[in-house]
Amino acid sequence: TAVVKLLEDGDITTNGKVMPKSDRVTAGQIIDVL
């Protein structure tokens, strides 16, 4: 629930872009989380 809220609030990004909930991650991908 907490992670989904961060996603909905735009607090999780990769390469400066907000990540949607449906995105799948890759090994070594750099993610910024407020």
PDB file of all heavy atoms in Angstrom:
ATOM      1  N   THR A   1       0.834  -1.206   0.000  1.00  0.00           N
ATOM      2  CA  THR A   1       0.000   0.000   0.000  1.00  0.00           C
ATOM      3  C   THR A   1       0.865   1.251   0.000  1.00  0.00           C
ATOM      4  O   THR A   1       0.589   2.219  -0.722  1.00  0.00           O
ATOM      5  CB  THR A   1      -0.926  -0.005   1.229  1.00  0.00           C
ATOM      6  OG1 THR A   1      -1.763  -1.166   1.188  1.00  0.00           O
ATOM      7  CG2 THR A   1      -1.799   1.233   1.254  1.00  0.00           C
ATOM      8  N   ALA A   2       1.934   1.242   0.815  1.00  0.00           N
ATOM      9  CA  ALA A   2       2.820   2.403   0.886  1.00  0.00           C
ATOM     10  C   ALA A   2       3.545   2.617  -0.434  1.00  0.00           C
ATOM     11  O   ALA A   2       3.700   3.757  -0.906  1.00  0.00           O
ATOM     12  CB  ALA A   2       3.822   2.229   2.023  1.00  0.00           C
ATOM     13  N   VAL A   3       3.987   1.521  -1.070  1.00  0.00           N
ATOM     14  CA  VAL A   3       4.700   1.640  -2.352  1.00  0.00           C
ATOM     15  C   VAL A   3       3.769   2.159  -3.434  1.00  0.00           C
ATOM     16  O   VAL A   3       4.142   3.026  -4.237  1.00  0.00           O
ATOM     17  CB  VAL A   3       5.314   0.282  -2.757  1.00  0.00           C
ATOM     18  CG1 VAL A   3       5.876   0.358  -4.175  1.00  0.00           C
ATOM     19  CG2 VAL A   3       6.417  -0.118  -1.781  1.00  0.00           C
ATOM     20  N   VAL A   4       2.541   1.636  -3.459  1.00  0.00           N
ATOM     21  CA  VAL A   4       1.579   2.097  -4.470  1.00  0.00           C
ATOM     22  C   VAL A   4       1.301   3.592  -4.308  1.00  0.00           C
ATOM     23  O   VAL A   4       1.209   4.325  -5.292  1.00  0.00           O
ATOM     24  CB  VAL A   4       0.269   1.284  -4.370  1.00  0.00           C
ATOM     25  CG1 VAL A   4      -0.840   1.932  -5.196  1.00  0.00           C
ATOM     26  CG2 VAL A   4       0.503  -0.143  -4.850  1.00  0.00           C
ATOM     27  N   LYS A   5       1.190   4.065  -3.080  1.00  0.00           N
ATOM     28  CA  LYS A   5       0.963   5.498  -2.856  1.00  0.00           C
ATOM     29  C   LYS A   5       2.141   6.325  -3.388  1.00  0.00           C
ATOM     30  O   LYS A   5       1.946   7.384  -3.991  1.00  0.00           O
ATOM     31  CB  LYS A   5       0.736   5.790  -1.377  1.00  0.00           C
ATOM     32  CG  LYS A   5       0.346   7.256  -1.118  1.00  0.00           C
ATOM     33  CD  LYS A   5      -0.002   7.503   0.319  1.00  0.00           C
ATOM     34  CE  LYS A   5      -0.603   8.900   0.506  1.00  0.00           C
ATOM     35  NZ  LYS A   5       0.209   9.979  -0.100  1.00  0.00           N
ATOM     36  N   LEU A   6       3.360   5.838  -3.149  1.00  0.00           N
ATOM     37  CA  LEU A   6       4.535   6.546  -3.672  1.00  0.00           C
ATOM     38  C   LEU A   6       4.493   6.603  -5.195  1.00  0.00           C
ATOM     39  O   LEU A   6       4.806   7.640  -5.808  1.00  0.00           O
ATOM     40  CB  LEU A   6       5.824   5.854  -3.211  1.00  0.00           C
ATOM     41  CG  LEU A   6       6.159   5.922  -1.722  1.00  0.00           C
ATOM     42  CD1 LEU A   6       7.388   5.079  -1.422  1.00  0.00           C
ATOM     43  CD2 LEU A   6       6.397   7.365  -1.280  1.00  0.00           C
ATOM     44  N   LEU A   7       4.082   5.503  -5.824  1.00  0.00           N
ATOM     45  CA  LEU A   7       3.966   5.479  -7.283  1.00  0.00           C
ATOM     46  C   LEU A   7       2.900   6.459  -7.757  1.00  0.00           C
ATOM     47  O   LEU A   7       3.110   7.228  -8.712  1.00  0.00           O
ATOM     48  CB  LEU A   7       3.626   4.059  -7.756  1.00  0.00           C
ATOM     49  CG  LEU A   7       4.770   3.038  -7.674  1.00  0.00           C
ATOM     50  CD1 LEU A   7       4.218   1.622  -7.747  1.00  0.00           C
ATOM     51  CD2 LEU A   7       5.779   3.275  -8.796  1.00  0.00           C
ATOM     52  N   GLU A   8       1.761   6.463  -7.090  1.00  0.00           N
ATOM     53  CA  GLU A   8       0.665   7.353  -7.481  1.00  0.00           C
ATOM     54  C   GLU A   8       1.023   8.822  -7.285  1.00  0.00           C
ATOM     55  O   GLU A   8       0.556   9.689  -8.032  1.00  0.00           O
ATOM     56  CB  GLU A   8      -0.594   7.005  -6.688  1.00  0.00           C
ATOM     57  CG  GLU A   8      -1.183   5.650  -7.074  1.00  0.00           C
ATOM     58  CD  GLU A   8      -2.341   5.237  -6.180  1.00  0.00           C
ATOM     59  OE1 GLU A   8      -2.489   5.841  -5.080  1.00  0.00           O
ATOM     60  OE2 GLU A   8      -3.088   4.319  -6.566  1.00  0.00           O
ATOM     61  N   ASP A   9       1.877   9.078  -6.283  1.00  0.00           N
ATOM     62  CA  ASP A   9       2.288  10.460  -6.005  1.00  0.00           C
ATOM     63  C   ASP A   9       3.466  10.903  -6.864  1.00  0.00           C
ATOM     64  O   ASP A   9       3.938  12.045  -6.741  1.00  0.00           O
ATOM     65  CB  ASP A   9       2.655  10.621  -4.525  1.00  0.00           C
ATOM     66  CG  ASP A   9       1.448  10.503  -3.603  1.00  0.00           C
ATOM     67  OD1 ASP A   9       0.311  10.563  -4.120  1.00  0.00           O
ATOM     68  OD2 ASP A   9       1.637  10.331  -2.376  1.00  0.00           O
ATOM     69  N   GLY A  10       3.966  10.007  -7.713  1.00  0.00           N
ATOM     70  CA  GLY A  10       5.096  10.359  -8.575  1.00  0.00           C
ATOM     71  C   GLY A  10       6.420  10.412  -7.849  1.00  0.00           C
ATOM     72  O   GLY A  10       7.369  11.061  -8.313  1.00  0.00           O
ATOM     73  N   ASP A  11       6.535   9.686  -6.717  1.00  0.00           N
ATOM     74  CA  ASP A  11       7.748   9.738  -5.899  1.00  0.00           C
ATOM     75  C   ASP A  11       8.755   8.647  -6.249  1.00  0.00           C
ATOM     76  O   ASP A  11       9.797   8.531  -5.597  1.00  0.00           O
ATOM     77  CB  ASP A  11       7.380   9.624  -4.416  1.00  0.00           C
ATOM     78  CG  ASP A  11       6.635  10.853  -3.908  1.00  0.00           C
ATOM     79  OD1 ASP A  11       6.816  11.927  -4.502  1.00  0.00           O
ATOM     80  OD2 ASP A  11       5.871  10.723  -2.929  1.00  0.00           O
ATOM     81  N   ILE A  12       8.449   7.852  -7.274  1.00  0.00           N
ATOM     82  CA  ILE A  12       9.369   6.804  -7.718  1.00  0.00           C
ATOM     83  C   ILE A  12       9.680   7.047  -9.189  1.00  0.00           C
ATOM     84  O   ILE A  12       8.780   7.054 -10.037  1.00  0.00           O
ATOM     85  CB  ILE A  12       8.763   5.407  -7.506  1.00  0.00           C
ATOM     86  CG1 ILE A  12       8.476   5.175  -6.015  1.00  0.00           C
ATOM     87  CG2 ILE A  12       9.687   4.324  -8.049  1.00  0.00           C
ATOM     88  CD1 ILE A  12       7.799   3.860  -5.706  1.00  0.00           C
ATOM     89  N   THR A  13      10.958   7.234  -9.489  1.00  0.00           N
ATOM     90  CA  THR A  13      11.356   7.593 -10.858  1.00  0.00           C
ATOM     91  C   THR A  13      12.546   6.761 -11.319  1.00  0.00           C
ATOM     92  O   THR A  13      13.297   6.212 -10.502  1.00  0.00           O
ATOM     93  CB  THR A  13      11.749   9.084 -10.940  1.00  0.00           C
ATOM     94  OG1 THR A  13      12.843   9.339 -10.042  1.00  0.00           O
ATOM     95  CG2 THR A  13      10.578   9.981 -10.566  1.00  0.00           C
ATOM     96  N   THR A  14      12.707   6.673 -12.626  1.00  0.00           N
ATOM     97  CA  THR A  14      13.888   6.077 -13.232  1.00  0.00           C
ATOM     98  C   THR A  14      14.272   6.935 -14.440  1.00  0.00           C
ATOM     99  O   THR A  14      13.398   7.315 -15.236  1.00  0.00           O
ATOM    100  CB  THR A  14      13.639   4.611 -13.649  1.00  0.00           C
ATOM    101  OG1 THR A  14      14.859   4.048 -14.149  1.00  0.00           O
ATOM    102  CG2 THR A  14      12.558   4.490 -14.713  1.00  0.00           C
ATOM    103  N   ASN A  15      15.536   7.310 -14.512  1.00  0.00           N
ATOM    104  CA  ASN A  15      16.007   8.224 -15.563  1.00  0.00           C
ATOM    105  C   ASN A  15      15.197   9.512 -15.593  1.00  0.00           C
ATOM    106  O   ASN A  15      14.927  10.071 -16.668  1.00  0.00           O
ATOM    107  CB  ASN A  15      15.949   7.540 -16.940  1.00  0.00           C
ATOM    108  CG  ASN A  15      16.929   6.395 -17.060  1.00  0.00           C
ATOM    109  OD1 ASN A  15      18.036   6.461 -16.520  1.00  0.00           O
ATOM    110  ND2 ASN A  15      16.537   5.338 -17.759  1.00  0.00           N
ATOM    111  N   GLY A  16      14.766   9.965 -14.426  1.00  0.00           N
ATOM    112  CA  GLY A  16      14.023  11.218 -14.326  1.00  0.00           C
ATOM    113  C   GLY A  16      12.561  11.110 -14.697  1.00  0.00           C
ATOM    114  O   GLY A  16      11.840  12.112 -14.672  1.00  0.00           O
ATOM    115  N   LYS A  17      12.079   9.919 -15.018  1.00  0.00           N
ATOM    116  CA  LYS A  17      10.688   9.739 -15.427  1.00  0.00           C
ATOM    117  C   LYS A  17       9.913   8.985 -14.343  1.00  0.00           C
ATOM    118  O   LYS A  17      10.403   8.003 -13.779  1.00  0.00           O
ATOM    119  CB  LYS A  17      10.615   8.962 -16.744  1.00  0.00           C
ATOM    120  CG  LYS A  17      11.251   9.697 -17.923  1.00  0.00           C
ATOM    121  CD  LYS A  17      11.128   8.873 -19.200  1.00  0.00           C
ATOM    122  CE  LYS A  17      11.758   9.609 -20.387  1.00  0.00           C
ATOM    123  NZ  LYS A  17      11.676   8.804 -21.626  1.00  0.00           N
ATOM    124  N   VAL A  18       8.701   9.465 -14.089  1.00  0.00           N
ATOM    125  CA  VAL A  18       7.844   8.804 -13.101  1.00  0.00           C
ATOM    126  C   VAL A  18       7.476   7.412 -13.591  1.00  0.00           C
ATOM    127  O   VAL A  18       7.138   7.202 -14.755  1.00  0.00           O
ATOM    128  CB  VAL A  18       6.560   9.635 -12.862  1.00  0.00           C
ATOM    129  CG1 VAL A  18       5.578   8.872 -11.977  1.00  0.00           C
ATOM    130  CG2 VAL A  18       6.914  10.974 -12.225  1.00  0.00           C
ATOM    131  N   MET A  19       7.543   6.432 -12.682  1.00  0.00           N
ATOM    132  CA  MET A  19       7.255   5.050 -13.054  1.00  0.00           C
ATOM    133  C   MET A  19       5.801   4.693 -12.771  1.00  0.00           C
ATOM    134  O   MET A  19       5.308   4.923 -11.654  1.00  0.00           O
ATOM    135  CB  MET A  19       8.169   4.094 -12.282  1.00  0.00           C
ATOM    136  CG  MET A  19       9.647   4.293 -12.550  1.00  0.00           C
ATOM    137  SD  MET A  19      10.678   2.989 -11.795  1.00  0.00           S
ATOM    138  CE  MET A  19      10.244   1.571 -12.822  1.00  0.00           C
ATOM    139  N   PRO A  20       5.089   4.149 -13.731  1.00  0.00           N
ATOM    140  CA  PRO A  20       3.716   3.674 -13.482  1.00  0.00           C
ATOM    141  C   PRO A  20       3.731   2.322 -12.776  1.00  0.00           C
ATOM    142  O   PRO A  20       4.731   1.597 -12.798  1.00  0.00           O
ATOM    143  CB  PRO A  20       3.127   3.548 -14.894  1.00  0.00           C
ATOM    144  CG  PRO A  20       4.304   3.315 -15.775  1.00  0.00           C
ATOM    145  CD  PRO A  20       5.459   4.047 -15.149  1.00  0.00           C
ATOM    146  N   LYS A  21       2.598   1.970 -12.162  1.00  0.00           N
ATOM    147  CA  LYS A  21       2.519   0.735 -11.403  1.00  0.00           C
ATOM    148  C   LYS A  21       2.725  -0.510 -12.264  1.00  0.00           C
ATOM    149  O   LYS A  21       3.147  -1.549 -11.765  1.00  0.00           O
ATOM    150  CB  LYS A  21       1.151   0.636 -10.707  1.00  0.00           C
ATOM    151  CG  LYS A  21       0.982   1.578  -9.536  1.00  0.00           C
ATOM    152  CD  LYS A  21      -0.324   1.340  -8.817  1.00  0.00           C
ATOM    153  CE  LYS A  21      -1.506   1.779  -9.660  1.00  0.00           C
ATOM    154  NZ  LYS A  21      -2.785   1.679  -8.905  1.00  0.00           N
ATOM    155  N   SER A  22       2.422  -0.408 -13.531  1.00  0.00           N
ATOM    156  CA  SER A  22       2.504  -1.582 -14.399  1.00  0.00           C
ATOM    157  C   SER A  22       3.917  -1.876 -14.897  1.00  0.00           C
ATOM    158  O   SER A  22       4.163  -2.920 -15.490  1.00  0.00           O
ATOM    159  CB  SER A  22       1.583  -1.398 -15.607  1.00  0.00           C
ATOM    160  OG  SER A  22       1.948  -0.232 -16.328  1.00  0.00           O
ATOM    161  N   ASP A  23       4.860  -0.973 -14.667  1.00  0.00           N
ATOM    162  CA  ASP A  23       6.232  -1.180 -15.130  1.00  0.00           C
ATOM    163  C   ASP A  23       6.854  -2.397 -14.461  1.00  0.00           C
ATOM    164  O   ASP A  23       6.619  -2.668 -13.285  1.00  0.00           O
ATOM    165  CB  ASP A  23       7.097   0.045 -14.819  1.00  0.00           C
ATOM    166  CG  ASP A  23       7.100   1.053 -15.953  1.00  0.00           C
ATOM    167  OD1 ASP A  23       6.249   0.926 -16.860  1.00  0.00           O
ATOM    168  OD2 ASP A  23       7.952   1.960 -15.924  1.00  0.00           O
ATOM    169  N   ARG A  24       7.674  -3.109 -15.228  1.00  0.00           N
ATOM    170  CA  ARG A  24       8.451  -4.203 -14.671  1.00  0.00           C
ATOM    171  C   ARG A  24       9.923  -3.794 -14.626  1.00  0.00           C
ATOM    172  O   ARG A  24      10.399  -3.095 -15.524  1.00  0.00           O
ATOM    173  CB  ARG A  24       8.266  -5.489 -15.477  1.00  0.00           C
ATOM    174  CG  ARG A  24       6.842  -6.016 -15.381  1.00  0.00           C
ATOM    175  CD  ARG A  24       6.657  -7.381 -16.016  1.00  0.00           C
ATOM    176  NE  ARG A  24       5.276  -7.841 -15.848  1.00  0.00           N
ATOM    177  CZ  ARG A  24       4.837  -8.520 -14.803  1.00  0.00           C
ATOM    178  NH1 ARG A  24       5.685  -8.839 -13.834  1.00  0.00           N
ATOM    179  NH2 ARG A  24       3.579  -8.894 -14.709  1.00  0.00           N
ATOM    180  N   VAL A  25      10.609  -4.227 -13.580  1.00  0.00           N
ATOM    181  CA  VAL A  25      11.981  -3.774 -13.370  1.00  0.00           C
ATOM    182  C   VAL A  25      12.973  -4.744 -14.000  1.00  0.00           C
ATOM    183  O   VAL A  25      12.667  -5.915 -14.228  1.00  0.00           O
ATOM    184  CB  VAL A  25      12.284  -3.623 -11.870  1.00  0.00           C
ATOM    185  CG1 VAL A  25      11.380  -2.574 -11.247  1.00  0.00           C
ATOM    186  CG2 VAL A  25      12.126  -4.958 -11.134  1.00  0.00           C
ATOM    187  N   THR A  26      14.168  -4.249 -14.273  1.00  0.00           N
ATOM    188  CA  THR A  26      15.245  -5.070 -14.815  1.00  0.00           C
ATOM    189  C   THR A  26      16.431  -5.035 -13.872  1.00  0.00           C
ATOM    190  O   THR A  26      16.624  -4.065 -13.131  1.00  0.00           O
ATOM    191  CB  THR A  26      15.665  -4.567 -16.203  1.00  0.00           C
ATOM    192  OG1 THR A  26      16.083  -3.192 -16.096  1.00  0.00           O
ATOM    193  CG2 THR A  26      14.516  -4.654 -17.198  1.00  0.00           C
ATOM    194  N   ALA A  27      17.227  -6.087 -13.892  1.00  0.00           N
ATOM    195  CA  ALA A  27      18.390  -6.165 -13.016  1.00  0.00           C
ATOM    196  C   ALA A  27      19.344  -5.008 -13.303  1.00  0.00           C
ATOM    197  O   ALA A  27      19.657  -4.719 -14.464  1.00  0.00           O
ATOM    198  CB  ALA A  27      19.106  -7.501 -13.212  1.00  0.00           C
ATOM    199  N   GLY A  28      19.777  -4.318 -12.249  1.00  0.00           N
ATOM    200  CA  GLY A  28      20.707  -3.213 -12.399  1.00  0.00           C
ATOM    201  C   GLY A  28      20.056  -1.878 -12.710  1.00  0.00           C
ATOM    202  O   GLY A  28      20.740  -0.846 -12.744  1.00  0.00           O
ATOM    203  N   GLN A  29      18.750  -1.878 -12.924  1.00  0.00           N
ATOM    204  CA  GLN A  29      18.046  -0.628 -13.200  1.00  0.00           C
ATOM    205  C   GLN A  29      18.160   0.315 -11.999  1.00  0.00           C
ATOM    206  O   GLN A  29      18.013  -0.094 -10.855  1.00  0.00           O
ATOM    207  CB  GLN A  29      16.581  -0.921 -13.496  1.00  0.00           C
ATOM    208  CG  GLN A  29      15.738   0.310 -13.844  1.00  0.00           C
ATOM    209  CD  GLN A  29      14.292  -0.066 -14.162  1.00  0.00           C
ATOM    210  OE1 GLN A  29      13.917  -1.234 -14.082  1.00  0.00           O
ATOM    211  NE2 GLN A  29      13.490   0.913 -14.526  1.00  0.00           N
ATOM    212  N   ILE A  30      18.454   1.584 -12.263  1.00  0.00           N
ATOM    213  CA  ILE A  30      18.598   2.568 -11.202  1.00  0.00           C
ATOM    214  C   ILE A  30      17.256   3.262 -10.969  1.00  0.00           C
ATOM    215  O   ILE A  30      16.659   3.808 -11.903  1.00  0.00           O
ATOM    216  CB  ILE A  30      19.674   3.615 -11.542  1.00  0.00           C
ATOM    217  CG1 ILE A  30      21.015   2.915 -11.812  1.00  0.00           C
ATOM    218  CG2 ILE A  30      19.810   4.619 -10.403  1.00  0.00           C
ATOM    219  CD1 ILE A  30      21.538   2.096 -10.640  1.00  0.00           C
ATOM    220  N   ILE A  31      16.804   3.198  -9.723  1.00  0.00           N
ATOM    221  CA  ILE A  31      15.502   3.775  -9.372  1.00  0.00           C
ATOM    222  C   ILE A  31      15.687   4.730  -8.198  1.00  0.00           C
ATOM    223  O   ILE A  31      16.398   4.423  -7.238  1.00  0.00           O
ATOM    224  CB  ILE A  31      14.497   2.670  -9.006  1.00  0.00           C
ATOM    225  CG1 ILE A  31      14.231   1.778 -10.221  1.00  0.00           C
ATOM    226  CG2 ILE A  31      13.188   3.255  -8.481  1.00  0.00           C
ATOM    227  CD1 ILE A  31      13.334   0.590  -9.921  1.00  0.00           C
ATOM    228  N   ASP A  32      15.061   5.897  -8.296  1.00  0.00           N
ATOM    229  CA  ASP A  32      15.076   6.884  -7.214  1.00  0.00           C
ATOM    230  C   ASP A  32      13.731   6.845  -6.491  1.00  0.00           C
ATOM    231  O   ASP A  32      12.674   6.895  -7.141  1.00  0.00           O
ATOM    232  CB  ASP A  32      15.320   8.291  -7.757  1.00  0.00           C
ATOM    233  CG  ASP A  32      16.719   8.457  -8.331  1.00  0.00           C
ATOM    234  OD1 ASP A  32      17.669   7.983  -7.683  1.00  0.00           O
ATOM    235  OD2 ASP A  32      16.869   9.046  -9.413  1.00  0.00           O
ATOM    236  N   VAL A  33      13.788   6.767  -5.174  1.00  0.00           N
ATOM    237  CA  VAL A  33      12.567   6.690  -4.369  1.00  0.00           C
ATOM    238  C   VAL A  33      12.606   7.778  -3.306  1.00  0.00           C
ATOM    239  O   VAL A  33      13.548   7.840  -2.506  1.00  0.00           O
ATOM    240  CB  VAL A  33      12.431   5.315  -3.681  1.00  0.00           C
ATOM    241  CG1 VAL A  33      11.126   5.255  -2.888  1.00  0.00           C
ATOM    242  CG2 VAL A  33      12.505   4.190  -4.698  1.00  0.00           C
ATOM    243  N   LEU A  34      11.603   8.655  -3.335  1.00  0.00           N
ATOM    244  CA  LEU A  34      11.451   9.633  -2.261  1.00  0.00           C
ATOM    245  C   LEU A  34      10.674   8.928  -1.159  1.00  0.00           C
ATOM    246  O   LEU A  34       9.466   8.734  -1.261  1.00  0.00           O
ATOM    247  CB  LEU A  34      10.697  10.869  -2.760  1.00  0.00           C
ATOM    248  CG  LEU A  34      10.622  12.058  -1.789  1.00  0.00           C
ATOM    249  CD1 LEU A  34      12.025  12.543  -1.424  1.00  0.00           C
ATOM    250  CD2 LEU A  34       9.807  13.198  -2.403  1.00  0.00           C
TER     251      LEU A  34
END
